[in-house]
Structure formats: structure tokens, C-alpha cells
Amino acid sequence: MSLFVIIMAEPAAPIVATIPQTNILSQMPSLHGKNSLCFQGKDIEGFLTEYEHFASHVNLTDEAKCEEIRIYFAKKEKQVLDILKGYVMLNWNNLKGQLWSLYTSSVERRIYQP
């Protein structure tokens, strides 16, 4: 919460005004709505791109990205997220790599094996 003290030319009691600090997470996409951000096991690349866009817009730290990503996962996907080392250790780069590896097929990665 920010405080401002206004000093007046005449001796009088200072006026203290408080400005409530906005919760930065309230600026992240809503969980409800037609265009809400939600990961249901498909298009991890698109989801991560969009999530990172919003996270950088509100200046989330890498640790906060790990903590907050869970609310955007469907119930089944949350079970997977809960056991990933990157999520448990709050390591965003590790988590991102693990998610990409788990949810991207070899065809999507353009890895062809004979």
C-alpha cells in the first residue's frame, strides 16, 4: 500500500492519502470466459507463448510463473504438473522444457526416425 503525505503551507495536520496497490495477478487473463487461458493437454507451445506474454506484461518473476501456471491447467494436467521437477523446484526454464518435451509429439518437433 502506498502512502502520500501532503504538506501544506500553513501549519495544519498533514493529510494522509492511501492508494491501494493493485494485485498484479488480477491483470493476468481470467479463468472464466470465452477467450480464457487454459491448458488442456494440447498446443503447449501456443499456451506457453501466451502465458509468457501475459506474465511478462505484469512482470512476474520466473518463480511466480511456476507458482501461478497451475491455475491455468485442466484438472488432469495439474496432476502431471505436480510431479514435474521444474514445477516443484520453481525453476521456470526447466519447467518450460519439461512441458514442451511432454506435450509435443516427435512429428510436431519435426524429428523423423527411419
C-alpha atoms as a PDB file:
ATOM      1  CA  MET A   1       0.000   0.000   0.000  1.00  0.00           C
ATOM      2  CA  SER A   2       1.424   3.409  -0.964  1.00  0.00           C
ATOM      3  CA  LEU A   3       1.239   6.378   1.369  1.00  0.00           C
ATOM      4  CA  PHE A   4       1.355  10.027   0.433  1.00  0.00           C
ATOM      5  CA  VAL A   5       1.798  12.888   2.887  1.00  0.00           C
ATOM      6  CA  ILE A   6       0.662  16.279   1.712  1.00  0.00           C
ATOM      7  CA  ILE A   7       2.477  19.214   3.336  1.00  0.00           C
ATOM      8  CA  MET A   8       0.582  22.449   3.317  1.00  0.00           C
ATOM      9  CA  ALA A   9       1.983  25.993   3.602  1.00  0.00           C
ATOM     10  CA  GLU A  10       0.011  26.713   6.761  1.00  0.00           C
ATOM     11  CA  PRO A  11       0.657  24.632   9.826  1.00  0.00           C
ATOM     12  CA  ALA A  12      -2.100  22.076   9.854  1.00  0.00           C
ATOM     13  CA  ALA A  13      -2.403  18.380  10.359  1.00  0.00           C
ATOM     14  CA  PRO A  14      -0.975  16.561   7.345  1.00  0.00           C
ATOM     15  CA  ILE A  15      -3.458  14.732   5.167  1.00  0.00           C
ATOM     16  CA  VAL A  16      -2.510  11.143   4.570  1.00  0.00           C
ATOM     17  CA  ALA A  17      -3.993   9.502   1.499  1.00  0.00           C
ATOM     18  CA  THR A  18      -3.627   5.808   0.840  1.00  0.00           C
ATOM     19  CA  ILE A  19      -3.743   4.316  -2.615  1.00  0.00           C
ATOM     20  CA  PRO A  20      -4.468   0.604  -2.652  1.00  0.00           C
ATOM     21  CA  GLN A  21      -1.900  -1.387  -4.561  1.00  0.00           C
ATOM     22  CA  THR A  22      -3.320  -3.377  -7.459  1.00  0.00           C
ATOM     23  CA  ASN A  23      -2.831  -7.124  -7.253  1.00  0.00           C
ATOM     24  CA  ILE A  24      -0.648  -7.854 -10.279  1.00  0.00           C
ATOM     25  CA  LEU A  25      -2.196 -11.277 -10.694  1.00  0.00           C
ATOM     26  CA  SER A  26      -5.564  -9.621 -11.271  1.00  0.00           C
ATOM     27  CA  GLN A  27      -4.067  -8.361 -14.534  1.00  0.00           C
ATOM     28  CA  MET A  28      -3.483 -11.928 -15.750  1.00  0.00           C
ATOM     29  CA  PRO A  29      -6.155 -13.479 -18.012  1.00  0.00           C
ATOM     30  CA  SER A  30      -9.392 -14.548 -16.367  1.00  0.00           C
ATOM     31  CA  LEU A  31     -10.027 -18.215 -15.763  1.00  0.00           C
ATOM     32  CA  HIS A  32     -13.608 -17.796 -16.875  1.00  0.00           C
ATOM     33  CA  GLY A  33     -14.747 -16.603 -20.229  1.00  0.00           C
ATOM     34  CA  LYS A  34     -14.744 -17.447 -23.881  1.00  0.00           C
ATOM     35  CA  ASN A  35     -11.125 -16.448 -24.522  1.00  0.00           C
ATOM     36  CA  SER A  36      -9.699 -17.547 -21.186  1.00  0.00           C
ATOM     37  CA  LEU A  37      -6.226 -19.040 -20.987  1.00  0.00           C
ATOM     38  CA  CYS A  38      -6.442 -22.760 -20.231  1.00  0.00           C
ATOM     39  CA  PHE A  39      -4.164 -25.692 -20.972  1.00  0.00           C
ATOM     40  CA  GLN A  40      -5.953 -28.977 -21.618  1.00  0.00           C
ATOM     41  CA  GLY A  41      -3.113 -31.077 -22.962  1.00  0.00           C
ATOM     42  CA  LYS A  42      -2.869 -29.697 -26.495  1.00  0.00           C
ATOM     43  CA  ASP A  43      -0.807 -26.957 -28.140  1.00  0.00           C
ATOM     44  CA  ILE A  44       1.691 -26.461 -25.315  1.00  0.00           C
ATOM     45  CA  GLU A  45       3.766 -24.143 -27.486  1.00  0.00           C
ATOM     46  CA  GLY A  46       0.827 -21.789 -28.054  1.00  0.00           C
ATOM     47  CA  PHE A  47      -0.184 -21.932 -24.407  1.00  0.00           C
ATOM     48  CA  LEU A  48       3.343 -21.190 -23.137  1.00  0.00           C
ATOM     49  CA  THR A  49       3.765 -18.331 -25.606  1.00  0.00           C
ATOM     50  CA  GLU A  50       0.519 -16.734 -24.490  1.00  0.00           C
ATOM     51  CA  TYR A  51       1.198 -17.377 -20.791  1.00  0.00           C
ATOM     52  CA  GLU A  52       4.671 -15.852 -21.024  1.00  0.00           C
ATOM     53  CA  HIS A  53       3.265 -12.840 -22.868  1.00  0.00           C
ATOM     54  CA  PHE A  54       0.812 -12.100 -20.061  1.00  0.00           C
ATOM     55  CA  ALA A  55       3.360 -12.958 -17.343  1.00  0.00           C
ATOM     56  CA  SER A  56       5.929 -10.542 -18.770  1.00  0.00           C
ATOM     57  CA  HIS A  57       3.249  -7.851 -19.139  1.00  0.00           C
ATOM     58  CA  VAL A  58       2.644  -7.961 -15.375  1.00  0.00           C
ATOM     59  CA  ASN A  59       6.341  -8.521 -14.560  1.00  0.00           C
ATOM     60  CA  LEU A  60       6.012 -11.951 -12.952  1.00  0.00           C
ATOM     61  CA  THR A  61       9.290 -13.416 -11.786  1.00  0.00           C
ATOM     62  CA  ASP A  62      10.299 -16.852 -13.051  1.00  0.00           C
ATOM     63  CA  GLU A  63       9.377 -18.254  -9.633  1.00  0.00           C
ATOM     64  CA  ALA A  64       5.934 -16.618  -9.774  1.00  0.00           C
ATOM     65  CA  LYS A  65       5.396 -18.023 -13.282  1.00  0.00           C
ATOM     66  CA  CYS A  66       5.888 -21.505 -11.841  1.00  0.00           C
ATOM     67  CA  GLU A  67       3.570 -20.839  -8.927  1.00  0.00           C
ATOM     68  CA  GLU A  68       0.772 -19.295 -10.971  1.00  0.00           C
ATOM     69  CA  ILE A  69       0.745 -21.503 -14.074  1.00  0.00           C
ATOM     70  CA  ARG A  70      -1.168 -24.220 -12.218  1.00  0.00           C
ATOM     71  CA  ILE A  71      -4.429 -22.260 -12.169  1.00  0.00           C
ATOM     72  CA  TYR A  72      -4.489 -22.332 -15.975  1.00  0.00           C
ATOM     73  CA  PHE A  73      -4.175 -26.128 -16.198  1.00  0.00           C
ATOM     74  CA  ALA A  74      -7.116 -28.519 -16.533  1.00  0.00           C
ATOM     75  CA  LYS A  75      -7.527 -30.959 -13.634  1.00  0.00           C
ATOM     76  CA  LYS A  76      -5.855 -33.876 -15.435  1.00  0.00           C
ATOM     77  CA  GLU A  77      -2.904 -31.735 -16.497  1.00  0.00           C
ATOM     78  CA  LYS A  78      -2.445 -30.424 -12.942  1.00  0.00           C
ATOM     79  CA  GLN A  79      -1.652 -33.985 -11.843  1.00  0.00           C
ATOM     80  CA  VAL A  80       1.181 -34.075 -14.381  1.00  0.00           C
ATOM     81  CA  LEU A  81       2.393 -30.609 -13.404  1.00  0.00           C
ATOM     82  CA  ASP A  82       2.549 -31.532  -9.709  1.00  0.00           C
ATOM     83  CA  ILE A  83       5.248 -34.164 -10.280  1.00  0.00           C
ATOM     84  CA  LEU A  84       7.496 -32.185 -12.624  1.00  0.00           C
ATOM     85  CA  LYS A  85      10.843 -31.243 -11.089  1.00  0.00           C
ATOM     86  CA  GLY A  86      10.794 -27.772 -12.646  1.00  0.00           C
ATOM     87  CA  TYR A  87       7.427 -27.046 -11.014  1.00  0.00           C
ATOM     88  CA  VAL A  88       8.429 -28.420  -7.609  1.00  0.00           C
ATOM     89  CA  MET A  89      11.754 -26.536  -7.653  1.00  0.00           C
ATOM     90  CA  LEU A  90      10.136 -23.345  -9.082  1.00  0.00           C
ATOM     91  CA  ASN A  91      12.598 -23.360 -11.989  1.00  0.00           C
ATOM     92  CA  TRP A  92      10.784 -21.759 -14.933  1.00  0.00           C
ATOM     93  CA  ASN A  93      13.248 -22.695 -17.691  1.00  0.00           C
ATOM     94  CA  ASN A  94      13.350 -26.305 -16.514  1.00  0.00           C
ATOM     95  CA  LEU A  95       9.546 -26.475 -16.220  1.00  0.00           C
ATOM     96  CA  LYS A  96       9.047 -24.962 -19.648  1.00  0.00           C
ATOM     97  CA  GLY A  97      11.400 -27.512 -21.191  1.00  0.00           C
ATOM     98  CA  GLN A  98       9.720 -30.408 -19.406  1.00  0.00           C
ATOM     99  CA  LEU A  99       6.253 -29.280 -20.511  1.00  0.00           C
ATOM    100  CA  TRP A 100       7.383 -28.805 -24.087  1.00  0.00           C
ATOM    101  CA  SER A 101       9.018 -32.230 -24.127  1.00  0.00           C
ATOM    102  CA  LEU A 102       5.984 -33.983 -22.617  1.00  0.00           C
ATOM    103  CA  TYR A 103       3.297 -32.353 -24.708  1.00  0.00           C
ATOM    104  CA  THR A 104       4.997 -32.051 -28.081  1.00  0.00           C
ATOM    105  CA  SER A 105       4.978 -35.094 -30.320  1.00  0.00           C
ATOM    106  CA  SER A 106       8.018 -36.031 -32.388  1.00  0.00           C
ATOM    107  CA  VAL A 107       6.071 -35.137 -35.539  1.00  0.00           C
ATOM    108  CA  GLU A 108       5.404 -31.618 -34.245  1.00  0.00           C
ATOM    109  CA  ARG A 109       9.102 -31.277 -33.368  1.00  0.00           C
ATOM    110  CA  ARG A 110       9.929 -32.446 -36.879  1.00  0.00           C
ATOM    111  CA  ILE A 111      12.117 -35.274 -35.627  1.00  0.00           C
ATOM    112  CA  TYR A 112      11.878 -38.104 -38.079  1.00  0.00           C
ATOM    113  CA  GLN A 113      13.250 -41.509 -37.331  1.00  0.00           C
ATOM    114  CA  PRO A 114      13.830 -44.155 -40.011  1.00  0.00           C
END
